[in-house]
Amino acid sequence: MSILKFELPENMLPTIEELPGDLSGVAAVIEKLAPGQGVDITLALVKHYRGTYIYCHNVDAIERAARNRWIKQLRDADMTVPEIARRVGLGERQVWNITGEADVESNGQLKLF
């Protein structure tokens, strides 16, 4: 299904490489997630946002919040802090901070300074 102003046969749509500017990069990313739909979805975005500058926000905070929820779920499932730290690529101290628990290796006492 073409989103152009007129119906083009599927074999007449541009290829990813024929898309101008950054659109080829957008189509390539979409193509990885939805094979065979990269160009169509990119052209739909172009039609919707035609003439608009698009800024892609940083999603680090969203990823960090999701990671922290996952860490808490792993801890609730009785996974040890060293296992969690290795699995998510953080230090044990950071995992303890995220879970909000006292480090049992320090006999449950928190540092004053």
PDB file of N, CA and C in Angstrom:
ATOM      1  N   MET A   1       0.843  -1.181   0.000  1.00  0.00           N
ATOM      2  CA  MET A   1       0.000   0.000   0.000  1.00  0.00           C
ATOM      3  C   MET A   1       0.886   1.242   0.000  1.00  0.00           C
ATOM      4  N   SER A   2       0.714   2.074  -0.940  1.00  0.00           N
ATOM      5  CA  SER A   2       1.524   3.285  -1.072  1.00  0.00           C
ATOM      6  C   SER A   2       0.848   4.450  -0.354  1.00  0.00           C
ATOM      7  N   ILE A   3       1.655   5.284   0.278  1.00  0.00           N
ATOM      8  CA  ILE A   3       1.105   6.460   0.957  1.00  0.00           C
ATOM      9  C   ILE A   3       1.297   7.708   0.097  1.00  0.00           C
ATOM     10  N   LEU A   4       1.784   7.521  -1.115  1.00  0.00           N
ATOM     11  CA  LEU A   4       1.981   8.659  -2.009  1.00  0.00           C
ATOM     12  C   LEU A   4       0.628   9.205  -2.445  1.00  0.00           C
ATOM     13  N   LYS A   5       0.625  10.383  -3.052  1.00  0.00           N
ATOM     14  CA  LYS A   5      -0.623  11.018  -3.493  1.00  0.00           C
ATOM     15  C   LYS A   5      -1.323  10.204  -4.569  1.00  0.00           C
ATOM     16  N   PHE A   6      -0.573   9.354  -5.222  1.00  0.00           N
ATOM     17  CA  PHE A   6      -1.145   8.486  -6.256  1.00  0.00           C
ATOM     18  C   PHE A   6      -0.632   7.074  -6.007  1.00  0.00           C
ATOM     19  N   GLU A   7      -1.335   6.085  -6.485  1.00  0.00           N
ATOM     20  CA  GLU A   7      -0.952   4.693  -6.274  1.00  0.00           C
ATOM     21  C   GLU A   7       0.173   4.308  -7.222  1.00  0.00           C
ATOM     22  N   LEU A   8       1.261   3.857  -6.664  1.00  0.00           N
ATOM     23  CA  LEU A   8       2.382   3.340  -7.446  1.00  0.00           C
ATOM     24  C   LEU A   8       2.431   1.831  -7.245  1.00  0.00           C
ATOM     25  N   PRO A   9       2.787   1.104  -8.246  1.00  0.00           N
ATOM     26  CA  PRO A   9       3.008  -0.332  -8.024  1.00  0.00           C
ATOM     27  C   PRO A   9       4.143  -0.509  -7.013  1.00  0.00           C
ATOM     28  N   GLU A  10       4.069  -1.558  -6.218  1.00  0.00           N
ATOM     29  CA  GLU A  10       5.082  -1.796  -5.178  1.00  0.00           C
ATOM     30  C   GLU A  10       6.496  -1.796  -5.750  1.00  0.00           C
ATOM     31  N   ASN A  11       6.653  -2.342  -6.944  1.00  0.00           N
ATOM     32  CA  ASN A  11       8.000  -2.434  -7.512  1.00  0.00           C
ATOM     33  C   ASN A  11       8.527  -1.080  -8.009  1.00  0.00           C
ATOM     34  N   MET A  12       7.713  -0.035  -7.935  1.00  0.00           N
ATOM     35  CA  MET A  12       8.134   1.295  -8.377  1.00  0.00           C
ATOM     36  C   MET A  12       8.482   2.218  -7.206  1.00  0.00           C
ATOM     37  N   LEU A  13       8.245   1.765  -5.969  1.00  0.00           N
ATOM     38  CA  LEU A  13       8.612   2.581  -4.809  1.00  0.00           C
ATOM     39  C   LEU A  13      10.123   2.724  -4.742  1.00  0.00           C
ATOM     40  N   PRO A  14      10.631   3.803  -4.170  1.00  0.00           N
ATOM     41  CA  PRO A  14      12.082   3.962  -4.065  1.00  0.00           C
ATOM     42  C   PRO A  14      12.675   2.898  -3.145  1.00  0.00           C
ATOM     43  N   THR A  15      13.939   2.629  -3.324  1.00  0.00           N
ATOM     44  CA  THR A  15      14.644   1.736  -2.402  1.00  0.00           C
ATOM     45  C   THR A  15      15.129   2.576  -1.224  1.00  0.00           C
ATOM     46  N   ILE A  16      15.612   1.908  -0.206  1.00  0.00           N
ATOM     47  CA  ILE A  16      16.147   2.618   0.967  1.00  0.00           C
ATOM     48  C   ILE A  16      17.271   3.560   0.531  1.00  0.00           C
ATOM     49  N   GLU A  17      18.129   3.088  -0.337  1.00  0.00           N
ATOM     50  CA  GLU A  17      19.276   3.887  -0.779  1.00  0.00           C
ATOM     51  C   GLU A  17      18.847   5.119  -1.587  1.00  0.00           C
ATOM     52  N   GLU A  18      17.670   5.076  -2.196  1.00  0.00           N
ATOM     53  CA  GLU A  18      17.202   6.204  -3.006  1.00  0.00           C
ATOM     54  C   GLU A  18      16.543   7.301  -2.172  1.00  0.00           C
ATOM     55  N   LEU A  19      16.247   7.023  -0.914  1.00  0.00           N
ATOM     56  CA  LEU A  19      15.621   8.043  -0.069  1.00  0.00           C
ATOM     57  C   LEU A  19      16.631   9.138   0.239  1.00  0.00           C
ATOM     58  N   PRO A  20      16.212  10.402   0.243  1.00  0.00           N
ATOM     59  CA  PRO A  20      17.155  11.502   0.447  1.00  0.00           C
ATOM     60  C   PRO A  20      17.552  11.705   1.912  1.00  0.00           C
ATOM     61  N   GLY A  21      18.748  12.234   2.108  1.00  0.00           N
ATOM     62  CA  GLY A  21      19.225  12.646   3.428  1.00  0.00           C
ATOM     63  C   GLY A  21      19.172  11.550   4.476  1.00  0.00           C
ATOM     64  N   ASP A  22      18.736  11.935   5.670  1.00  0.00           N
ATOM     65  CA  ASP A  22      18.657  11.007   6.799  1.00  0.00           C
ATOM     66  C   ASP A  22      17.529   9.996   6.663  1.00  0.00           C
ATOM     67  N   LEU A  23      16.652  10.175   5.697  1.00  0.00           N
ATOM     68  CA  LEU A  23      15.523   9.254   5.549  1.00  0.00           C
ATOM     69  C   LEU A  23      15.973   7.836   5.240  1.00  0.00           C
ATOM     70  N   SER A  24      17.096   7.694   4.550  1.00  0.00           N
ATOM     71  CA  SER A  24      17.591   6.345   4.279  1.00  0.00           C
ATOM     72  C   SER A  24      18.006   5.668   5.589  1.00  0.00           C
ATOM     73  N   GLY A  25      18.584   6.428   6.508  1.00  0.00           N
ATOM     74  CA  GLY A  25      18.945   5.878   7.817  1.00  0.00           C
ATOM     75  C   GLY A  25      17.726   5.497   8.636  1.00  0.00           C
ATOM     76  N   VAL A  26      16.696   6.334   8.588  1.00  0.00           N
ATOM     77  CA  VAL A  26      15.446   6.041   9.285  1.00  0.00           C
ATOM     78  C   VAL A  26      14.833   4.760   8.721  1.00  0.00           C
ATOM     79  N   ALA A  27      14.795   4.657   7.397  1.00  0.00           N
ATOM     80  CA  ALA A  27      14.222   3.477   6.749  1.00  0.00           C
ATOM     81  C   ALA A  27      15.017   2.219   7.094  1.00  0.00           C
ATOM     82  N   ALA A  28      16.335   2.339   7.188  1.00  0.00           N
ATOM     83  CA  ALA A  28      17.172   1.184   7.519  1.00  0.00           C
ATOM     84  C   ALA A  28      16.879   0.680   8.930  1.00  0.00           C
ATOM     85  N   VAL A  29      16.700   1.598   9.880  1.00  0.00           N
ATOM     86  CA  VAL A  29      16.367   1.195  11.256  1.00  0.00           C
ATOM     87  C   VAL A  29      15.005   0.516  11.279  1.00  0.00           C
ATOM     88  N   ILE A  30      14.032   1.095  10.612  1.00  0.00           N
ATOM     89  CA  ILE A  30      12.689   0.515  10.569  1.00  0.00           C
ATOM     90  C   ILE A  30      12.726  -0.852   9.893  1.00  0.00           C
ATOM     91  N   GLU A  31      13.509  -0.966   8.842  1.00  0.00           N
ATOM     92  CA  GLU A  31      13.611  -2.229   8.092  1.00  0.00           C
ATOM     93  C   GLU A  31      14.110  -3.363   8.982  1.00  0.00           C
ATOM     94  N   LYS A  32      15.012  -3.065   9.909  1.00  0.00           N
ATOM     95  CA  LYS A  32      15.517  -4.093  10.833  1.00  0.00           C
ATOM     96  C   LYS A  32      14.409  -4.594  11.755  1.00  0.00           C
ATOM     97  N   LEU A  33      13.517  -3.688  12.159  1.00  0.00           N
ATOM     98  CA  LEU A  33      12.440  -4.055  13.084  1.00  0.00           C
ATOM     99  C   LEU A  33      11.206  -4.592  12.373  1.00  0.00           C
ATOM    100  N   ALA A  34      10.979  -4.128  11.167  1.00  0.00           N
ATOM    101  CA  ALA A  34       9.808  -4.533  10.385  1.00  0.00           C
ATOM    102  C   ALA A  34      10.249  -4.806   8.951  1.00  0.00           C
ATOM    103  N   PRO A  35      10.834  -5.983   8.709  1.00  0.00           N
ATOM    104  CA  PRO A  35      11.358  -6.288   7.374  1.00  0.00           C
ATOM    105  C   PRO A  35      10.311  -6.091   6.276  1.00  0.00           C
ATOM    106  N   GLY A  36      10.759  -5.433   5.215  1.00  0.00           N
ATOM    107  CA  GLY A  36       9.893  -5.187   4.072  1.00  0.00           C
ATOM    108  C   GLY A  36       9.020  -3.951   4.189  1.00  0.00           C
ATOM    109  N   GLN A  37       9.096  -3.239   5.333  1.00  0.00           N
ATOM    110  CA  GLN A  37       8.233  -2.081   5.545  1.00  0.00           C
ATOM    111  C   GLN A  37       9.004  -0.785   5.784  1.00  0.00           C
ATOM    112  N   GLY A  38      10.333  -0.832   5.695  1.00  0.00           N
ATOM    113  CA  GLY A  38      11.144   0.347   5.988  1.00  0.00           C
ATOM    114  C   GLY A  38      10.791   1.563   5.154  1.00  0.00           C
ATOM    115  N   VAL A  39      10.690   1.375   3.854  1.00  0.00           N
ATOM    116  CA  VAL A  39      10.385   2.495   2.956  1.00  0.00           C
ATOM    117  C   VAL A  39       8.952   2.970   3.181  1.00  0.00           C
ATOM    118  N   ASP A  40       7.991   2.040   3.246  1.00  0.00           N
ATOM    119  CA  ASP A  40       6.588   2.428   3.429  1.00  0.00           C
ATOM    120  C   ASP A  40       6.371   3.226   4.716  1.00  0.00           C
ATOM    121  N   ILE A  41       6.934   2.752   5.817  1.00  0.00           N
ATOM    122  CA  ILE A  41       6.749   3.446   7.094  1.00  0.00           C
ATOM    123  C   ILE A  41       7.462   4.794   7.076  1.00  0.00           C
ATOM    124  N   THR A  42       8.652   4.833   6.488  1.00  0.00           N
ATOM    125  CA  THR A  42       9.379   6.106   6.384  1.00  0.00           C
ATOM    126  C   THR A  42       8.586   7.115   5.562  1.00  0.00           C
ATOM    127  N   LEU A  43       8.014   6.675   4.442  1.00  0.00           N
ATOM    128  CA  LEU A  43       7.212   7.587   3.625  1.00  0.00           C
ATOM    129  C   LEU A  43       5.956   8.036   4.365  1.00  0.00           C
ATOM    130  N   ALA A  44       5.385   7.168   5.208  1.00  0.00           N
ATOM    131  CA  ALA A  44       4.222   7.558   6.016  1.00  0.00           C
ATOM    132  C   ALA A  44       4.621   8.631   7.032  1.00  0.00           C
ATOM    133  N   LEU A  45       5.808   8.477   7.641  1.00  0.00           N
ATOM    134  CA  LEU A  45       6.299   9.501   8.571  1.00  0.00           C
ATOM    135  C   LEU A  45       6.532  10.823   7.845  1.00  0.00           C
ATOM    136  N   VAL A  46       7.108  10.738   6.652  1.00  0.00           N
ATOM    137  CA  VAL A  46       7.357  11.944   5.858  1.00  0.00           C
ATOM    138  C   VAL A  46       6.040  12.642   5.532  1.00  0.00           C
ATOM    139  N   LYS A  47       5.047  11.875   5.151  1.00  0.00           N
ATOM    140  CA  LYS A  47       3.752  12.465   4.820  1.00  0.00           C
ATOM    141  C   LYS A  47       3.140  13.144   6.047  1.00  0.00           C
ATOM    142  N   HIS A  48       3.249  12.500   7.201  1.00  0.00           N
ATOM    143  CA  HIS A  48       2.649  13.046   8.426  1.00  0.00           C
ATOM    144  C   HIS A  48       3.391  14.288   8.926  1.00  0.00           C
ATOM    145  N   TYR A  49       4.720  14.253   8.871  1.00  0.00           N
ATOM    146  CA  TYR A  49       5.530  15.346   9.412  1.00  0.00           C
ATOM    147  C   TYR A  49       6.141  16.217   8.321  1.00  0.00           C
ATOM    148  N   ARG A  50       5.594  16.213   7.153  1.00  0.00           N
ATOM    149  CA  ARG A  50       6.137  16.931   5.999  1.00  0.00           C
ATOM    150  C   ARG A  50       6.505  18.381   6.358  1.00  0.00           C
ATOM    151  N   GLY A  51       7.760  18.727   6.110  1.00  0.00           N
ATOM    152  CA  GLY A  51       8.229  20.092   6.343  1.00  0.00           C
ATOM    153  C   GLY A  51       8.566  20.411   7.790  1.00  0.00           C
ATOM    154  N   THR A  52       8.415  19.445   8.697  1.00  0.00           N
ATOM    155  CA  THR A  52       8.672  19.668  10.118  1.00  0.00           C
ATOM    156  C   THR A  52      10.047  19.129  10.486  1.00  0.00           C
ATOM    157  N   TYR A  53      10.782  19.883  11.287  1.00  0.00           N
ATOM    158  CA  TYR A  53      12.040  19.369  11.812  1.00  0.00           C
ATOM    159  C   TYR A  53      11.709  18.442  12.968  1.00  0.00           C
ATOM    160  N   ILE A  54      12.330  17.296  12.982  1.00  0.00           N
ATOM    161  CA  ILE A  54      12.074  16.317  14.038  1.00  0.00           C
ATOM    162  C   ILE A  54      13.319  16.201  14.900  1.00  0.00           C
ATOM    163  N   TYR A  55      13.140  16.305  16.215  1.00  0.00           N
ATOM    164  CA  TYR A  55      14.221  16.145  17.171  1.00  0.00           C
ATOM    165  C   TYR A  55      13.980  14.848  17.931  1.00  0.00           C
ATOM    166  N   CYS A  56      14.931  13.958  17.924  1.00  0.00           N
ATOM    167  CA  CYS A  56      14.787  12.692  18.653  1.00  0.00           C
ATOM    168  C   CYS A  56      15.368  12.873  20.049  1.00  0.00           C
ATOM    169  N   HIS A  57      14.488  12.838  21.030  1.00  0.00           N
ATOM    170  CA  HIS A  57      14.902  13.035  22.418  1.00  0.00           C
ATOM    171  C   HIS A  57      15.758  11.880  22.916  1.00  0.00           C
ATOM    172  N   ASN A  58      16.584  12.165  23.877  1.00  0.00           N
ATOM    173  CA  ASN A  58      17.391  11.161  24.551  1.00  0.00           C
ATOM    174  C   ASN A  58      16.475  10.340  25.461  1.00  0.00           C
ATOM    175  N   VAL A  59      16.587   9.027  25.424  1.00  0.00           N
ATOM    176  CA  VAL A  59      15.715   8.172  26.233  1.00  0.00           C
ATOM    177  C   VAL A  59      16.485   7.456  27.343  1.00  0.00           C
ATOM    178  N   ASP A  60      17.632   8.004  27.731  1.00  0.00           N
ATOM    179  CA  ASP A  60      18.436   7.381  28.779  1.00  0.00           C
ATOM    180  C   ASP A  60      17.656   7.212  30.082  1.00  0.00           C
ATOM    181  N   ALA A  61      16.879   8.213  30.464  1.00  0.00           N
ATOM    182  CA  ALA A  61      16.130   8.139  31.729  1.00  0.00           C
ATOM    183  C   ALA A  61      15.084   7.030  31.682  1.00  0.00           C
ATOM    184  N   ILE A  62      14.455   6.838  30.521  1.00  0.00           N
ATOM    185  CA  ILE A  62      13.462   5.773  30.378  1.00  0.00           C
ATOM    186  C   ILE A  62      14.145   4.415  30.481  1.00  0.00           C
ATOM    187  N   GLU A  63      15.290   4.278  29.805  1.00  0.00           N
ATOM    188  CA  GLU A  63      16.032   3.011  29.861  1.00  0.00           C
ATOM    189  C   GLU A  63      16.520   2.728  31.280  1.00  0.00           C
ATOM    190  N   ARG A  64      16.987   3.752  31.981  1.00  0.00           N
ATOM    191  CA  ARG A  64      17.480   3.583  33.339  1.00  0.00           C
ATOM    192  C   ARG A  64      16.352   3.161  34.280  1.00  0.00           C
ATOM    193  N   ALA A  65      15.174   3.769  34.128  1.00  0.00           N
ATOM    194  CA  ALA A  65      14.033   3.408  34.969  1.00  0.00           C
ATOM    195  C   ALA A  65      13.606   1.963  34.723  1.00  0.00           C
ATOM    196  N   ALA A  66      13.607   1.546  33.457  1.00  0.00           N
ATOM    197  CA  ALA A  66      13.248   0.159  33.127  1.00  0.00           C
ATOM    198  C   ALA A  66      14.279  -0.806  33.702  1.00  0.00           C
ATOM    199  N   ARG A  67      15.553  -0.456  33.574  1.00  0.00           N
ATOM    200  CA  ARG A  67      16.618  -1.299  34.139  1.00  0.00           C
ATOM    201  C   ARG A  67      16.473  -1.423  35.642  1.00  0.00           C
ATOM    202  N   ASN A  68      16.165  -0.319  36.316  1.00  0.00           N
ATOM    203  CA  ASN A  68      16.011  -0.343  37.772  1.00  0.00           C
ATOM    204  C   ASN A  68      14.824  -1.194  38.198  1.00  0.00           C
ATOM    205  N   ARG A  69      13.706  -1.128  37.446  1.00  0.00           N
ATOM    206  CA  ARG A  69      12.555  -1.999  37.749  1.00  0.00           C
ATOM    207  C   ARG A  69      12.937  -3.461  37.593  1.00  0.00           C
ATOM    208  N   TRP A  70      13.705  -3.751  36.540  1.00  0.00           N
ATOM    209  CA  TRP A  70      14.141  -5.115  36.287  1.00  0.00           C
ATOM    210  C   TRP A  70      15.038  -5.603  37.421  1.00  0.00           C
ATOM    211  N   ILE A  71      15.958  -4.756  37.885  1.00  0.00           N
ATOM    212  CA  ILE A  71      16.844  -5.109  38.992  1.00  0.00           C
ATOM    213  C   ILE A  71      16.029  -5.432  40.238  1.00  0.00           C
ATOM    214  N   LYS A  72      15.019  -4.629  40.526  1.00  0.00           N
ATOM    215  CA  LYS A  72      14.175  -4.885  41.703  1.00  0.00           C
ATOM    216  C   LYS A  72      13.396  -6.179  41.562  1.00  0.00           C
ATOM    217  N   GLN A  73      12.931  -6.489  40.336  1.00  0.00           N
ATOM    218  CA  GLN A  73      12.231  -7.757  40.111  1.00  0.00           C
ATOM    219  C   GLN A  73      13.170  -8.944  40.312  1.00  0.00           C
ATOM    220  N   LEU A  74      14.386  -8.816  39.814  1.00  0.00           N
ATOM    221  CA  LEU A  74      15.363  -9.891  39.993  1.00  0.00           C
ATOM    222  C   LEU A  74      15.664 -10.097  41.469  1.00  0.00           C
ATOM    223  N   ARG A  75      15.771  -9.008  42.195  1.00  0.00           N
ATOM    224  CA  ARG A  75      16.054  -9.100  43.638  1.00  0.00           C
ATOM    225  C   ARG A  75      14.866  -9.710  44.376  1.00  0.00           C
ATOM    226  N   ASP A  76      13.634  -9.337  43.977  1.00  0.00           N
ATOM    227  CA  ASP A  76      12.435  -9.925  44.584  1.00  0.00           C
ATOM    228  C   ASP A  76      12.346 -11.419  44.301  1.00  0.00           C
ATOM    229  N   ALA A  77      12.956 -11.844  43.191  1.00  0.00           N
ATOM    230  CA  ALA A  77      12.967 -13.267  42.834  1.00  0.00           C
ATOM    231  C   ALA A  77      14.149 -13.982  43.504  1.00  0.00           C
ATOM    232  N   ASP A  78      14.750 -13.340  44.506  1.00  0.00           N
ATOM    233  CA  ASP A  78      15.836 -13.905  45.317  1.00  0.00           C
ATOM    234  C   ASP A  78      17.147 -14.123  44.573  1.00  0.00           C
ATOM    235  N   MET A  79      17.386 -13.351  43.521  1.00  0.00           N
ATOM    236  CA  MET A  79      18.688 -13.405  42.869  1.00  0.00           C
ATOM    237  C   MET A  79      19.651 -12.591  43.720  1.00  0.00           C
ATOM    238  N   THR A  80      20.872 -13.064  43.850  1.00  0.00           N
ATOM    239  CA  THR A  80      21.841 -12.363  44.683  1.00  0.00           C
ATOM    240  C   THR A  80      22.321 -11.088  43.996  1.00  0.00           C
ATOM    241  N   VAL A  81      22.788 -10.150  44.790  1.00  0.00           N
ATOM    242  CA  VAL A  81      23.269  -8.884  44.254  1.00  0.00           C
ATOM    243  C   VAL A  81      24.466  -9.081  43.321  1.00  0.00           C
ATOM    244  N   PRO A  82      25.447  -9.942  43.659  1.00  0.00           N
ATOM    245  CA  PRO A  82      26.544 -10.145  42.713  1.00  0.00           C
ATOM    246  C   PRO A  82      26.072 -10.714  41.364  1.00  0.00           C
ATOM    247  N   GLU A  83      25.082 -11.606  41.378  1.00  0.00           N
ATOM    248  CA  GLU A  83      24.541 -12.147  40.122  1.00  0.00           C
ATOM    249  C   GLU A  83      23.854 -11.049  39.307  1.00  0.00           C
ATOM    250  N   ILE A  84      23.078 -10.225  39.990  1.00  0.00           N
ATOM    251  CA  ILE A  84      22.379  -9.132  39.305  1.00  0.00           C
ATOM    252  C   ILE A  84      23.391  -8.164  38.710  1.00  0.00           C
ATOM    253  N   ALA A  85      24.413  -7.824  39.490  1.00  0.00           N
ATOM    254  CA  ALA A  85      25.428  -6.875  39.029  1.00  0.00           C
ATOM    255  C   ALA A  85      26.098  -7.373  37.753  1.00  0.00           C
ATOM    256  N   ARG A  86      26.437  -8.651  37.720  1.00  0.00           N
ATOM    257  CA  ARG A  86      27.063  -9.217  36.518  1.00  0.00           C
ATOM    258  C   ARG A  86      26.087  -9.220  35.345  1.00  0.00           C
ATOM    259  N   ARG A  87      24.843  -9.542  35.628  1.00  0.00           N
ATOM    260  CA  ARG A  87      23.841  -9.652  34.560  1.00  0.00           C
ATOM    261  C   ARG A  87      23.547  -8.306  33.885  1.00  0.00           C
ATOM    262  N   VAL A  88      23.476  -7.235  34.681  1.00  0.00           N
ATOM    263  CA  VAL A  88      23.126  -5.925  34.125  1.00  0.00           C
ATOM    264  C   VAL A  88      24.325  -5.024  33.869  1.00  0.00           C
ATOM    265  N   GLY A  89      25.522  -5.487  34.242  1.00  0.00           N
ATOM    266  CA  GLY A  89      26.727  -4.718  33.959  1.00  0.00           C
ATOM    267  C   GLY A  89      26.944  -3.524  34.868  1.00  0.00           C
ATOM    268  N   LEU A  90      26.519  -3.652  36.132  1.00  0.00           N
ATOM    269  CA  LEU A  90      26.745  -2.592  37.117  1.00  0.00           C
ATOM    270  C   LEU A  90      27.586  -3.145  38.254  1.00  0.00           C
ATOM    271  N   GLY A  91      28.093  -2.241  39.080  1.00  0.00           N
ATOM    272  CA  GLY A  91      28.788  -2.666  40.283  1.00  0.00           C
ATOM    273  C   GLY A  91      27.785  -3.068  41.356  1.00  0.00           C
ATOM    274  N   GLU A  92      28.243  -3.898  42.266  1.00  0.00           N
ATOM    275  CA  GLU A  92      27.365  -4.361  43.345  1.00  0.00           C
ATOM    276  C   GLU A  92      26.828  -3.190  44.177  1.00  0.00           C
ATOM    277  N   ARG A  93      27.666  -2.203  44.454  1.00  0.00           N
ATOM    278  CA  ARG A  93      27.244  -1.051  45.255  1.00  0.00           C
ATOM    279  C   ARG A  93      26.066  -0.352  44.574  1.00  0.00           C
ATOM    280  N   GLN A  94      26.135  -0.192  43.259  1.00  0.00           N
ATOM    281  CA  GLN A  94      25.047   0.475  42.541  1.00  0.00           C
ATOM    282  C   GLN A  94      23.767  -0.347  42.616  1.00  0.00           C
ATOM    283  N   VAL A  95      23.886  -1.666  42.530  1.00  0.00           N
ATOM    284  CA  VAL A  95      22.697  -2.526  42.648  1.00  0.00           C
ATOM    285  C   VAL A  95      22.087  -2.372  44.038  1.00  0.00           C
ATOM    286  N   TRP A  96      22.929  -2.346  45.070  1.00  0.00           N
ATOM    287  CA  TRP A  96      22.409  -2.134  46.429  1.00  0.00           C
ATOM    288  C   TRP A  96      21.679  -0.784  46.511  1.00  0.00           C
ATOM    289  N   ASN A  97      22.260   0.244  45.912  1.00  0.00           N
ATOM    290  CA  ASN A  97      21.621   1.568  45.931  1.00  0.00           C
ATOM    291  C   ASN A  97      20.263   1.538  45.228  1.00  0.00           C
ATOM    292  N   ILE A  98      20.174   0.834  44.114  1.00  0.00           N
ATOM    293  CA  ILE A  98      18.923   0.765  43.361  1.00  0.00           C
ATOM    294  C   ILE A  98      17.856  -0.001  44.132  1.00  0.00           C
ATOM    295  N   THR A  99      18.256  -1.094  44.776  1.00  0.00           N
ATOM    296  CA  THR A  99      17.265  -1.894  45.515  1.00  0.00           C
ATOM    297  C   THR A  99      16.828  -1.208  46.803  1.00  0.00           C
ATOM    298  N   GLY A 100      17.638  -0.296  47.292  1.00  0.00           N
ATOM    299  CA  GLY A 100      17.290   0.418  48.513  1.00  0.00           C
ATOM    300  C   GLY A 100      17.512  -0.403  49.771  1.00  0.00           C
ATOM    301  N   GLU A 101      18.220  -1.511  49.623  1.00  0.00           N
ATOM    302  CA  GLU A 101      18.501  -2.372  50.764  1.00  0.00           C
ATOM    303  C   GLU A 101      19.858  -2.020  51.370  1.00  0.00           C
ATOM    304  N   ALA A 102      20.021  -2.367  52.619  1.00  0.00           N
ATOM    305  CA  ALA A 102      21.323  -2.210  53.242  1.00  0.00           C
ATOM    306  C   ALA A 102      22.207  -3.350  52.753  1.00  0.00           C
ATOM    307  N   ASP A 103      23.457  -3.064  52.562  1.00  0.00           N
ATOM    308  CA  ASP A 103      24.405  -4.072  52.114  1.00  0.00           C
ATOM    309  C   ASP A 103      24.599  -5.078  53.248  1.00  0.00           C
ATOM    310  N   VAL A 104      24.111  -6.303  53.066  1.00  0.00           N
ATOM    311  CA  VAL A 104      24.199  -7.308  54.131  1.00  0.00           C
ATOM    312  C   VAL A 104      25.635  -7.718  54.398  1.00  0.00           C
ATOM    313  N   GLU A 105      26.520  -7.501  53.435  1.00  0.00           N
ATOM    314  CA  GLU A 105      27.919  -7.836  53.633  1.00  0.00           C
ATOM    315  C   GLU A 105      28.580  -6.900  54.631  1.00  0.00           C
ATOM    316  N   SER A 106      27.979  -5.750  54.872  1.00  0.00           N
ATOM    317  CA  SER A 106      28.515  -4.829  55.873  1.00  0.00           C
ATOM    318  C   SER A 106      27.710  -4.959  57.162  1.00  0.00           C
ATOM    319  N   ASN A 107      27.138  -6.136  57.387  1.00  0.00           N
ATOM    320  CA  ASN A 107      26.350  -6.451  58.580  1.00  0.00           C
ATOM    321  C   ASN A 107      25.147  -5.550  58.755  1.00  0.00           C
ATOM    322  N   GLY A 108      24.588  -5.102  57.643  1.00  0.00           N
ATOM    323  CA  GLY A 108      23.360  -4.312  57.691  1.00  0.00           C
ATOM    324  C   GLY A 108      23.545  -2.872  58.120  1.00  0.00           C
ATOM    325  N   GLN A 109      24.777  -2.458  58.351  1.00  0.00           N
ATOM    326  CA  GLN A 109      25.005  -1.073  58.781  1.00  0.00           C
ATOM    327  C   GLN A 109      25.363  -0.208  57.587  1.00  0.00           C
ATOM    328  N   LEU A 110      24.774   0.949  57.551  1.00  0.00           N
ATOM    329  CA  LEU A 110      25.066   1.901  56.493  1.00  0.00           C
ATOM    330  C   LEU A 110      26.235   2.784  56.921  1.00  0.00           C
ATOM    331  N   LYS A 111      26.975   3.297  55.976  1.00  0.00           N
ATOM    332  CA  LYS A 111      28.081   4.193  56.285  1.00  0.00           C
ATOM    333  C   LYS A 111      27.545   5.573  56.627  1.00  0.00           C
ATOM    334  N   LEU A 112      28.149   6.204  57.612  1.00  0.00           N
ATOM    335  CA  LEU A 112      27.752   7.552  57.989  1.00  0.00           C
ATOM    336  C   LEU A 112      28.321   8.596  57.037  1.00  0.00           C
ATOM    337  N   PHE A 113      29.495   8.359  56.532  1.00  0.00           N
ATOM    338  CA  PHE A 113      30.165   9.335  55.694  1.00  0.00           C
ATOM    339  C   PHE A 113      30.520   8.727  54.368  1.00  0.00           C
TER     340      PHE A 113
END
